[in-house]
Amino acid sequence: MKEEIGRIVVKTAGREASRKCVIVSVIDKNFVVVTGPKTLTGVRRRKVNIAHLAFTPYRINIPENASDEEVLKALEEAKLLEYMRQSVKVTPTALPPT
């Protein structure tokens, strides 16, 4: 999968780990801007390293830098609101033995 506007992803690091969000803007090859929206999944709009994201097969049609209201409307049209509310179990990266 690739980082593209409208792709639904799961955060794998940070305080919002295991929560789903939507890519609203691509900054460069390493960073994107995501939003939950906060009212739906608890993820606020922020810049995220793509190494901290797991890509899902789902994508919605939104313009670049779409507002949270536009993202919510697109998720509702795609019937993905309940899917977005479900959290995902993120397994920690295996650490080398010490």
PDB file of N, CA and C in Angstrom:
ATOM      1  N   MET A   1       0.848  -1.179   0.000  1.00  0.00           N
ATOM      2  CA  MET A   1       0.000   0.000   0.000  1.00  0.00           C
ATOM      3  C   MET A   1       0.890   1.238   0.000  1.00  0.00           C
ATOM      4  N   LYS A   2       0.331   2.309  -0.419  1.00  0.00           N
ATOM      5  CA  LYS A   2       1.110   3.536  -0.434  1.00  0.00           C
ATOM      6  C   LYS A   2       0.346   4.637   0.271  1.00  0.00           C
ATOM      7  N   GLU A   3       1.092   5.657   0.650  1.00  0.00           N
ATOM      8  CA  GLU A   3       0.467   6.777   1.320  1.00  0.00           C
ATOM      9  C   GLU A   3      -0.255   7.629   0.286  1.00  0.00           C
ATOM     10  N   GLU A   4      -1.573   7.707   0.411  1.00  0.00           N
ATOM     11  CA  GLU A   4      -2.373   8.492  -0.510  1.00  0.00           C
ATOM     12  C   GLU A   4      -3.517   9.138   0.261  1.00  0.00           C
ATOM     13  N   ILE A   5      -3.976  10.255  -0.233  1.00  0.00           N
ATOM     14  CA  ILE A   5      -5.044  10.988   0.429  1.00  0.00           C
ATOM     15  C   ILE A   5      -6.301  10.126   0.447  1.00  0.00           C
ATOM     16  N   GLY A   6      -6.915  10.002   1.620  1.00  0.00           N
ATOM     17  CA  GLY A   6      -8.134   9.210   1.781  1.00  0.00           C
ATOM     18  C   GLY A   6      -7.891   7.799   2.282  1.00  0.00           C
ATOM     19  N   ARG A   7      -6.639   7.349   2.338  1.00  0.00           N
ATOM     20  CA  ARG A   7      -6.325   5.997   2.813  1.00  0.00           C
ATOM     21  C   ARG A   7      -6.580   5.914   4.312  1.00  0.00           C
ATOM     22  N   ILE A   8      -7.255   4.882   4.755  1.00  0.00           N
ATOM     23  CA  ILE A   8      -7.482   4.655   6.183  1.00  0.00           C
ATOM     24  C   ILE A   8      -6.290   3.872   6.709  1.00  0.00           C
ATOM     25  N   VAL A   9      -5.722   4.362   7.814  1.00  0.00           N
ATOM     26  CA  VAL A   9      -4.532   3.756   8.402  1.00  0.00           C
ATOM     27  C   VAL A   9      -4.748   3.551   9.890  1.00  0.00           C
ATOM     28  N   VAL A  10      -3.876   2.745  10.501  1.00  0.00           N
ATOM     29  CA  VAL A  10      -3.899   2.507  11.938  1.00  0.00           C
ATOM     30  C   VAL A  10      -2.592   3.030  12.510  1.00  0.00           C
ATOM     31  N   LYS A  11      -2.687   3.855  13.545  1.00  0.00           N
ATOM     32  CA  LYS A  11      -1.464   4.345  14.191  1.00  0.00           C
ATOM     33  C   LYS A  11      -0.875   3.207  15.013  1.00  0.00           C
ATOM     34  N   THR A  12       0.442   3.004  14.901  1.00  0.00           N
ATOM     35  CA  THR A  12       1.092   1.903  15.607  1.00  0.00           C
ATOM     36  C   THR A  12       2.009   2.382  16.720  1.00  0.00           C
ATOM     37  N   ALA A  13       2.151   3.696  16.876  1.00  0.00           N
ATOM     38  CA  ALA A  13       3.038   4.232  17.911  1.00  0.00           C
ATOM     39  C   ALA A  13       2.403   5.473  18.524  1.00  0.00           C
ATOM     40  N   GLY A  14       2.822   5.769  19.738  1.00  0.00           N
ATOM     41  CA  GLY A  14       2.341   6.970  20.406  1.00  0.00           C
ATOM     42  C   GLY A  14       1.093   6.725  21.228  1.00  0.00           C
ATOM     43  N   ARG A  15       0.574   7.802  21.775  1.00  0.00           N
ATOM     44  CA  ARG A  15      -0.585   7.695  22.670  1.00  0.00           C
ATOM     45  C   ARG A  15      -1.850   7.271  21.941  1.00  0.00           C
ATOM     46  N   GLU A  16      -1.875   7.445  20.629  1.00  0.00           N
ATOM     47  CA  GLU A  16      -3.051   7.079  19.844  1.00  0.00           C
ATOM     48  C   GLU A  16      -2.866   5.738  19.130  1.00  0.00           C
ATOM     49  N   ALA A  17      -1.904   4.941  19.571  1.00  0.00           N
ATOM     50  CA  ALA A  17      -1.642   3.638  18.948  1.00  0.00           C
ATOM     51  C   ALA A  17      -2.895   2.786  18.977  1.00  0.00           C
ATOM     52  N   SER A  18      -3.126   2.043  17.931  1.00  0.00           N
ATOM     53  CA  SER A  18      -4.246   1.132  17.712  1.00  0.00           C
ATOM     54  C   SER A  18      -5.522   1.844  17.277  1.00  0.00           C
ATOM     55  N   ARG A  19      -5.456   3.148  17.055  1.00  0.00           N
ATOM     56  CA  ARG A  19      -6.639   3.875  16.585  1.00  0.00           C
ATOM     57  C   ARG A  19      -6.530   4.135  15.093  1.00  0.00           C
ATOM     58  N   LYS A  20      -7.683   4.117  14.432  1.00  0.00           N
ATOM     59  CA  LYS A  20      -7.715   4.347  12.995  1.00  0.00           C
ATOM     60  C   LYS A  20      -7.829   5.830  12.691  1.00  0.00           C
ATOM     61  N   CYS A  21      -7.275   6.218  11.551  1.00  0.00           N
ATOM     62  CA  CYS A  21      -7.364   7.608  11.100  1.00  0.00           C
ATOM     63  C   CYS A  21      -7.260   7.627   9.580  1.00  0.00           C
ATOM     64  N   VAL A  22      -7.432   8.820   9.011  1.00  0.00           N
ATOM     65  CA  VAL A  22      -7.462   8.994   7.564  1.00  0.00           C
ATOM     66  C   VAL A  22      -6.349   9.957   7.159  1.00  0.00           C
ATOM     67  N   ILE A  23      -5.627   9.637   6.101  1.00  0.00           N
ATOM     68  CA  ILE A  23      -4.604  10.547   5.568  1.00  0.00           C
ATOM     69  C   ILE A  23      -5.308  11.671   4.812  1.00  0.00           C
ATOM     70  N   VAL A  24      -5.034  12.925   5.214  1.00  0.00           N
ATOM     71  CA  VAL A  24      -5.651  14.073   4.545  1.00  0.00           C
ATOM     72  C   VAL A  24      -4.653  14.865   3.717  1.00  0.00           C
ATOM     73  N   SER A  25      -3.357  14.645   3.928  1.00  0.00           N
ATOM     74  CA  SER A  25      -2.348  15.354   3.153  1.00  0.00           C
ATOM     75  C   SER A  25      -1.035  14.580   3.199  1.00  0.00           C
ATOM     76  N   VAL A  26      -0.303  14.593   2.090  1.00  0.00           N
ATOM     77  CA  VAL A  26       1.017  13.967   2.029  1.00  0.00           C
ATOM     78  C   VAL A  26       2.047  15.089   2.012  1.00  0.00           C
ATOM     79  N   ILE A  27       2.930  15.112   3.021  1.00  0.00           N
ATOM     80  CA  ILE A  27       3.936  16.167   3.126  1.00  0.00           C
ATOM     81  C   ILE A  27       5.155  15.824   2.268  1.00  0.00           C
ATOM     82  N   ASP A  28       5.724  14.644   2.484  1.00  0.00           N
ATOM     83  CA  ASP A  28       6.840  14.161   1.684  1.00  0.00           C
ATOM     84  C   ASP A  28       6.864  12.639   1.784  1.00  0.00           C
ATOM     85  N   LYS A  29       7.974  12.011   1.398  1.00  0.00           N
ATOM     86  CA  LYS A  29       8.016  10.543   1.394  1.00  0.00           C
ATOM     87  C   LYS A  29       7.992   9.932   2.792  1.00  0.00           C
ATOM     88  N   ASN A  30       8.229  10.738   3.842  1.00  0.00           N
ATOM     89  CA  ASN A  30       8.251  10.207   5.210  1.00  0.00           C
ATOM     90  C   ASN A  30       7.099  10.665   6.095  1.00  0.00           C
ATOM     91  N   PHE A  31       6.443  11.746   5.747  1.00  0.00           N
ATOM     92  CA  PHE A  31       5.427  12.308   6.637  1.00  0.00           C
ATOM     93  C   PHE A  31       4.102  12.573   5.919  1.00  0.00           C
ATOM     94  N   VAL A  32       3.005  12.360   6.666  1.00  0.00           N
ATOM     95  CA  VAL A  32       1.663  12.666   6.193  1.00  0.00           C
ATOM     96  C   VAL A  32       0.912  13.386   7.311  1.00  0.00           C
ATOM     97  N   VAL A  33      -0.217  13.996   6.973  1.00  0.00           N
ATOM     98  CA  VAL A  33      -1.095  14.591   7.968  1.00  0.00           C
ATOM     99  C   VAL A  33      -2.320  13.692   8.055  1.00  0.00           C
ATOM    100  N   VAL A  34      -2.691  13.301   9.284  1.00  0.00           N
ATOM    101  CA  VAL A  34      -3.843  12.428   9.490  1.00  0.00           C
ATOM    102  C   VAL A  34      -4.857  13.099  10.401  1.00  0.00           C
ATOM    103  N   THR A  35      -6.085  12.604  10.332  1.00  0.00           N
ATOM    104  CA  THR A  35      -7.127  13.009  11.269  1.00  0.00           C
ATOM    105  C   THR A  35      -8.010  11.811  11.517  1.00  0.00           C
ATOM    106  N   GLY A  36      -8.628  11.760  12.704  1.00  0.00           N
ATOM    107  CA  GLY A  36      -9.493  10.648  13.076  1.00  0.00           C
ATOM    108  C   GLY A  36     -10.823  10.619  12.350  1.00  0.00           C
ATOM    109  N   PRO A  37     -11.589  11.619  12.391  1.00  0.00           N
ATOM    110  CA  PRO A  37     -11.548  12.847  13.178  1.00  0.00           C
ATOM    111  C   PRO A  37     -11.657  12.573  14.675  1.00  0.00           C
ATOM    112  N   LYS A  38     -11.244  13.546  15.467  1.00  0.00           N
ATOM    113  CA  LYS A  38     -11.185  13.388  16.916  1.00  0.00           C
ATOM    114  C   LYS A  38     -12.535  12.982  17.506  1.00  0.00           C
ATOM    115  N   THR A  39     -13.629  13.525  16.973  1.00  0.00           N
ATOM    116  CA  THR A  39     -14.952  13.194  17.515  1.00  0.00           C
ATOM    117  C   THR A  39     -15.336  11.743  17.254  1.00  0.00           C
ATOM    118  N   LEU A  40     -14.707  11.111  16.258  1.00  0.00           N
ATOM    119  CA  LEU A  40     -15.045   9.730  15.906  1.00  0.00           C
ATOM    120  C   LEU A  40     -14.086   8.720  16.526  1.00  0.00           C
ATOM    121  N   THR A  41     -12.781   8.932  16.372  1.00  0.00           N
ATOM    122  CA  THR A  41     -11.803   7.942  16.829  1.00  0.00           C
ATOM    123  C   THR A  41     -10.878   8.441  17.930  1.00  0.00           C
ATOM    124  N   GLY A  42     -10.888   9.740  18.187  1.00  0.00           N
ATOM    125  CA  GLY A  42     -10.008  10.287  19.213  1.00  0.00           C
ATOM    126  C   GLY A  42      -8.650  10.729  18.683  1.00  0.00           C
ATOM    127  N   VAL A  43      -8.416  10.589  17.377  1.00  0.00           N
ATOM    128  CA  VAL A  43      -7.143  11.011  16.790  1.00  0.00           C
ATOM    129  C   VAL A  43      -7.319  12.424  16.256  1.00  0.00           C
ATOM    130  N   ARG A  44      -6.523  13.349  16.792  1.00  0.00           N
ATOM    131  CA  ARG A  44      -6.625  14.728  16.304  1.00  0.00           C
ATOM    132  C   ARG A  44      -5.736  14.903  15.084  1.00  0.00           C
ATOM    133  N   ARG A  45      -5.987  15.956  14.336  1.00  0.00           N
ATOM    134  CA  ARG A  45      -5.209  16.236  13.121  1.00  0.00           C
ATOM    135  C   ARG A  45      -3.762  16.511  13.503  1.00  0.00           C
ATOM    136  N   ARG A  46      -2.840  15.752  12.879  1.00  0.00           N
ATOM    137  CA  ARG A  46      -1.430  15.917  13.204  1.00  0.00           C
ATOM    138  C   ARG A  46      -0.539  15.329  12.125  1.00  0.00           C
ATOM    139  N   LYS A  47       0.705  15.769  12.133  1.00  0.00           N
ATOM    140  CA  LYS A  47       1.732  15.250  11.227  1.00  0.00           C
ATOM    141  C   LYS A  47       2.273  13.954  11.825  1.00  0.00           C
ATOM    142  N   VAL A  48       2.389  12.913  10.992  1.00  0.00           N
ATOM    143  CA  VAL A  48       2.808  11.591  11.469  1.00  0.00           C
ATOM    144  C   VAL A  48       3.832  11.003  10.507  1.00  0.00           C
ATOM    145  N   ASN A  49       4.826  10.327  11.067  1.00  0.00           N
ATOM    146  CA  ASN A  49       5.798   9.588  10.270  1.00  0.00           C
ATOM    147  C   ASN A  49       5.103   8.336   9.736  1.00  0.00           C
ATOM    148  N   ILE A  50       5.265   8.042   8.442  1.00  0.00           N
ATOM    149  CA  ILE A  50       4.569   6.879   7.887  1.00  0.00           C
ATOM    150  C   ILE A  50       5.096   5.563   8.444  1.00  0.00           C
ATOM    151  N   ALA A  51       6.271   5.583   9.066  1.00  0.00           N
ATOM    152  CA  ALA A  51       6.792   4.374   9.701  1.00  0.00           C
ATOM    153  C   ALA A  51       5.941   3.996  10.919  1.00  0.00           C
ATOM    154  N   HIS A  52       5.136   4.921  11.417  1.00  0.00           N
ATOM    155  CA  HIS A  52       4.287   4.676  12.580  1.00  0.00           C
ATOM    156  C   HIS A  52       2.847   4.390  12.188  1.00  0.00           C
ATOM    157  N   LEU A  53       2.635   4.007  10.936  1.00  0.00           N
ATOM    158  CA  LEU A  53       1.292   3.726  10.442  1.00  0.00           C
ATOM    159  C   LEU A  53       1.230   2.339   9.826  1.00  0.00           C
ATOM    160  N   ALA A  54       0.086   1.693   9.973  1.00  0.00           N
ATOM    161  CA  ALA A  54      -0.194   0.431   9.282  1.00  0.00           C
ATOM    162  C   ALA A  54      -1.334   0.733   8.308  1.00  0.00           C
ATOM    163  N   PHE A  55      -1.150   0.405   7.039  1.00  0.00           N
ATOM    164  CA  PHE A  55      -2.130   0.733   6.015  1.00  0.00           C
ATOM    165  C   PHE A  55      -3.222  -0.335   5.938  1.00  0.00           C
ATOM    166  N   THR A  56      -4.460   0.096   5.747  1.00  0.00           N
ATOM    167  CA  THR A  56      -5.590  -0.812   5.561  1.00  0.00           C
ATOM    168  C   THR A  56      -5.969  -0.788   4.081  1.00  0.00           C
ATOM    169  N   PRO A  57      -6.783  -1.727   3.636  1.00  0.00           N
ATOM    170  CA  PRO A  57      -7.195  -1.722   2.225  1.00  0.00           C
ATOM    171  C   PRO A  57      -8.276  -0.686   1.913  1.00  0.00           C
ATOM    172  N   TYR A  58      -8.793   0.004   2.930  1.00  0.00           N
ATOM    173  CA  TYR A  58      -9.891   0.942   2.731  1.00  0.00           C
ATOM    174  C   TYR A  58      -9.391   2.328   2.342  1.00  0.00           C
ATOM    175  N   ARG A  59     -10.169   2.977   1.465  1.00  0.00           N
ATOM    176  CA  ARG A  59      -9.855   4.332   1.022  1.00  0.00           C
ATOM    177  C   ARG A  59     -11.167   5.058   0.785  1.00  0.00           C
ATOM    178  N   ILE A  60     -11.206   6.355   1.136  1.00  0.00           N
ATOM    179  CA  ILE A  60     -12.379   7.183   0.874  1.00  0.00           C
ATOM    180  C   ILE A  60     -11.980   8.316  -0.066  1.00  0.00           C
ATOM    181  N   ASN A  61     -12.954   8.858  -0.739  1.00  0.00           N
ATOM    182  CA  ASN A  61     -12.704   9.957  -1.673  1.00  0.00           C
ATOM    183  C   ASN A  61     -12.883  11.287  -0.961  1.00  0.00           C
ATOM    184  N   ILE A  62     -11.761  11.966  -0.700  1.00  0.00           N
ATOM    185  CA  ILE A  62     -11.782  13.283  -0.080  1.00  0.00           C
ATOM    186  C   ILE A  62     -10.761  14.161  -0.784  1.00  0.00           C
ATOM    187  N   PRO A  63     -10.983  15.482  -0.765  1.00  0.00           N
ATOM    188  CA  PRO A  63      -9.975  16.376  -1.340  1.00  0.00           C
ATOM    189  C   PRO A  63      -8.788  16.529  -0.389  1.00  0.00           C
ATOM    190  N   GLU A  64      -7.669  17.021  -0.901  1.00  0.00           N
ATOM    191  CA  GLU A  64      -6.497  17.264  -0.054  1.00  0.00           C
ATOM    192  C   GLU A  64      -6.848  18.301   1.008  1.00  0.00           C
ATOM    193  N   ASN A  65      -6.358  18.098   2.229  1.00  0.00           N
ATOM    194  CA  ASN A  65      -6.610  18.967   3.385  1.00  0.00           C
ATOM    195  C   ASN A  65      -8.095  19.105   3.693  1.00  0.00           C
ATOM    196  N   ALA A  66      -8.843  18.026   3.530  1.00  0.00           N
ATOM    197  CA  ALA A  66     -10.280  18.036   3.815  1.00  0.00           C
ATOM    198  C   ALA A  66     -10.510  18.324   5.294  1.00  0.00           C
ATOM    199  N   SER A  67     -11.591  19.017   5.585  1.00  0.00           N
ATOM    200  CA  SER A  67     -11.935  19.313   6.977  1.00  0.00           C
ATOM    201  C   SER A  67     -12.448  18.040   7.644  1.00  0.00           C
ATOM    202  N   ASP A  68     -12.520  18.065   8.975  1.00  0.00           N
ATOM    203  CA  ASP A  68     -13.029  16.901   9.707  1.00  0.00           C
ATOM    204  C   ASP A  68     -14.473  16.601   9.310  1.00  0.00           C
ATOM    205  N   GLU A  69     -15.256  17.641   9.036  1.00  0.00           N
ATOM    206  CA  GLU A  69     -16.655  17.441   8.633  1.00  0.00           C
ATOM    207  C   GLU A  69     -16.728  16.721   7.283  1.00  0.00           C
ATOM    208  N   GLU A  70     -15.837  17.089   6.351  1.00  0.00           N
ATOM    209  CA  GLU A  70     -15.808  16.428   5.044  1.00  0.00           C
ATOM    210  C   GLU A  70     -15.386  14.968   5.184  1.00  0.00           C
ATOM    211  N   VAL A  71     -14.432  14.706   6.070  1.00  0.00           N
ATOM    212  CA  VAL A  71     -13.975  13.333   6.303  1.00  0.00           C
ATOM    213  C   VAL A  71     -15.104  12.504   6.911  1.00  0.00           C
ATOM    214  N   LEU A  72     -15.805  13.054   7.898  1.00  0.00           N
ATOM    215  CA  LEU A  72     -16.936  12.344   8.507  1.00  0.00           C
ATOM    216  C   LEU A  72     -18.008  12.026   7.479  1.00  0.00           C
ATOM    217  N   LYS A  73     -18.318  12.982   6.621  1.00  0.00           N
ATOM    218  CA  LYS A  73     -19.345  12.782   5.592  1.00  0.00           C
ATOM    219  C   LYS A  73     -18.922  11.677   4.629  1.00  0.00           C
ATOM    220  N   ALA A  74     -17.655  11.671   4.206  1.00  0.00           N
ATOM    221  CA  ALA A  74     -17.157  10.638   3.292  1.00  0.00           C
ATOM    222  C   ALA A  74     -17.172   9.261   3.952  1.00  0.00           C
ATOM    223  N   LEU A  75     -16.822   9.197   5.236  1.00  0.00           N
ATOM    224  CA  LEU A  75     -16.857   7.918   5.958  1.00  0.00           C
ATOM    225  C   LEU A  75     -18.289   7.403   6.080  1.00  0.00           C
ATOM    226  N   GLU A  76     -19.223   8.316   6.312  1.00  0.00           N
ATOM    227  CA  GLU A  76     -20.629   7.928   6.421  1.00  0.00           C
ATOM    228  C   GLU A  76     -21.140   7.408   5.078  1.00  0.00           C
ATOM    229  N   GLU A  77     -20.784   8.083   3.983  1.00  0.00           N
ATOM    230  CA  GLU A  77     -21.206   7.643   2.648  1.00  0.00           C
ATOM    231  C   GLU A  77     -20.629   6.276   2.304  1.00  0.00           C
ATOM    232  N   ALA A  78     -19.402   6.011   2.765  1.00  0.00           N
ATOM    233  CA  ALA A  78     -18.751   4.716   2.502  1.00  0.00           C
ATOM    234  C   ALA A  78     -19.158   3.649   3.510  1.00  0.00           C
ATOM    235  N   LYS A  79     -20.019   4.015   4.463  1.00  0.00           N
ATOM    236  CA  LYS A  79     -20.499   3.095   5.509  1.00  0.00           C
ATOM    237  C   LYS A  79     -19.339   2.501   6.314  1.00  0.00           C
ATOM    238  N   LEU A  80     -18.394   3.368   6.707  1.00  0.00           N
ATOM    239  CA  LEU A  80     -17.217   2.923   7.455  1.00  0.00           C
ATOM    240  C   LEU A  80     -17.148   3.516   8.862  1.00  0.00           C
ATOM    241  N   LEU A  81     -18.213   4.150   9.334  1.00  0.00           N
ATOM    242  CA  LEU A  81     -18.177   4.769  10.663  1.00  0.00           C
ATOM    243  C   LEU A  81     -17.944   3.728  11.760  1.00  0.00           C
ATOM    244  N   GLU A  82     -18.662   2.622  11.702  1.00  0.00           N
ATOM    245  CA  GLU A  82     -18.504   1.588  12.738  1.00  0.00           C
ATOM    246  C   GLU A  82     -17.117   0.957  12.659  1.00  0.00           C
ATOM    247  N   TYR A  83     -16.618   0.746  11.456  1.00  0.00           N
ATOM    248  CA  TYR A  83     -15.261   0.213  11.263  1.00  0.00           C
ATOM    249  C   TYR A  83     -14.221   1.137  11.897  1.00  0.00           C
ATOM    250  N   MET A  84     -14.391   2.438  11.732  1.00  0.00           N
ATOM    251  CA  MET A  84     -13.446   3.411  12.281  1.00  0.00           C
ATOM    252  C   MET A  84     -13.461   3.419  13.805  1.00  0.00           C
ATOM    253  N   ARG A  85     -14.607   3.182  14.402  1.00  0.00           N
ATOM    254  CA  ARG A  85     -14.723   3.212  15.869  1.00  0.00           C
ATOM    255  C   ARG A  85     -14.004   2.037  16.535  1.00  0.00           C
ATOM    256  N   GLN A  86     -13.868   0.926  15.831  1.00  0.00           N
ATOM    257  CA  GLN A  86     -13.226  -0.258  16.401  1.00  0.00           C
ATOM    258  C   GLN A  86     -11.719  -0.037  16.488  1.00  0.00           C
ATOM    259  N   SER A  87     -11.149  -0.338  17.663  1.00  0.00           N
ATOM    260  CA  SER A  87      -9.694  -0.226  17.776  1.00  0.00           C
ATOM    261  C   SER A  87      -9.071  -1.557  17.350  1.00  0.00           C
ATOM    262  N   VAL A  88      -7.808  -1.493  17.037  1.00  0.00           N
ATOM    263  CA  VAL A  88      -7.071  -2.653  16.541  1.00  0.00           C
ATOM    264  C   VAL A  88      -6.001  -2.999  17.554  1.00  0.00           C
ATOM    265  N   LYS A  89      -5.753  -4.282  17.744  1.00  0.00           N
ATOM    266  CA  LYS A  89      -4.673  -4.676  18.644  1.00  0.00           C
ATOM    267  C   LYS A  89      -3.358  -4.583  17.869  1.00  0.00           C
ATOM    268  N   VAL A  90      -2.464  -3.739  18.376  1.00  0.00           N
ATOM    269  CA  VAL A  90      -1.159  -3.556  17.737  1.00  0.00           C
ATOM    270  C   VAL A  90      -0.135  -4.351  18.522  1.00  0.00           C
ATOM    271  N   THR A  91       0.580  -5.247  17.825  1.00  0.00           N
ATOM    272  CA  THR A  91       1.591  -6.041  18.500  1.00  0.00           C
ATOM    273  C   THR A  91       2.902  -5.271  18.521  1.00  0.00           C
ATOM    274  N   PRO A  92       3.581  -5.255  19.642  1.00  0.00           N
ATOM    275  CA  PRO A  92       4.857  -4.531  19.715  1.00  0.00           C
ATOM    276  C   PRO A  92       5.909  -5.198  18.840  1.00  0.00           C
ATOM    277  N   THR A  93       6.827  -4.406  18.375  1.00  0.00           N
ATOM    278  CA  THR A  93       7.929  -4.917  17.566  1.00  0.00           C
ATOM    279  C   THR A  93       8.811  -5.816  18.423  1.00  0.00           C
ATOM    280  N   ALA A  94       9.221  -6.922  17.867  1.00  0.00           N
ATOM    281  CA  ALA A  94      10.072  -7.845  18.614  1.00  0.00           C
ATOM    282  C   ALA A  94      11.420  -7.187  18.925  1.00  0.00           C
ATOM    283  N   LEU A  95      11.800  -7.220  20.169  1.00  0.00           N
ATOM    284  CA  LEU A  95      13.069  -6.649  20.583  1.00  0.00           C
ATOM    285  C   LEU A  95      14.148  -7.742  20.572  1.00  0.00           C
ATOM    286  N   PRO A  96      15.349  -7.400  20.190  1.00  0.00           N
ATOM    287  CA  PRO A  96      16.412  -8.413  20.224  1.00  0.00           C
ATOM    288  C   PRO A  96      16.722  -8.817  21.663  1.00  0.00           C
ATOM    289  N   PRO A  97      17.142 -10.038  21.891  1.00  0.00           N
ATOM    290  CA  PRO A  97      17.466 -10.467  23.255  1.00  0.00           C
ATOM    291  C   PRO A  97      18.652  -9.684  23.805  1.00  0.00           C
ATOM    292  N   THR A  98      18.594  -9.410  25.095  1.00  0.00           N
ATOM    293  CA  THR A  98      19.687  -8.659  25.725  1.00  0.00           C
ATOM    294  C   THR A  98      20.639  -9.563  26.460  1.00  0.00           C
TER     295      THR A  98
END
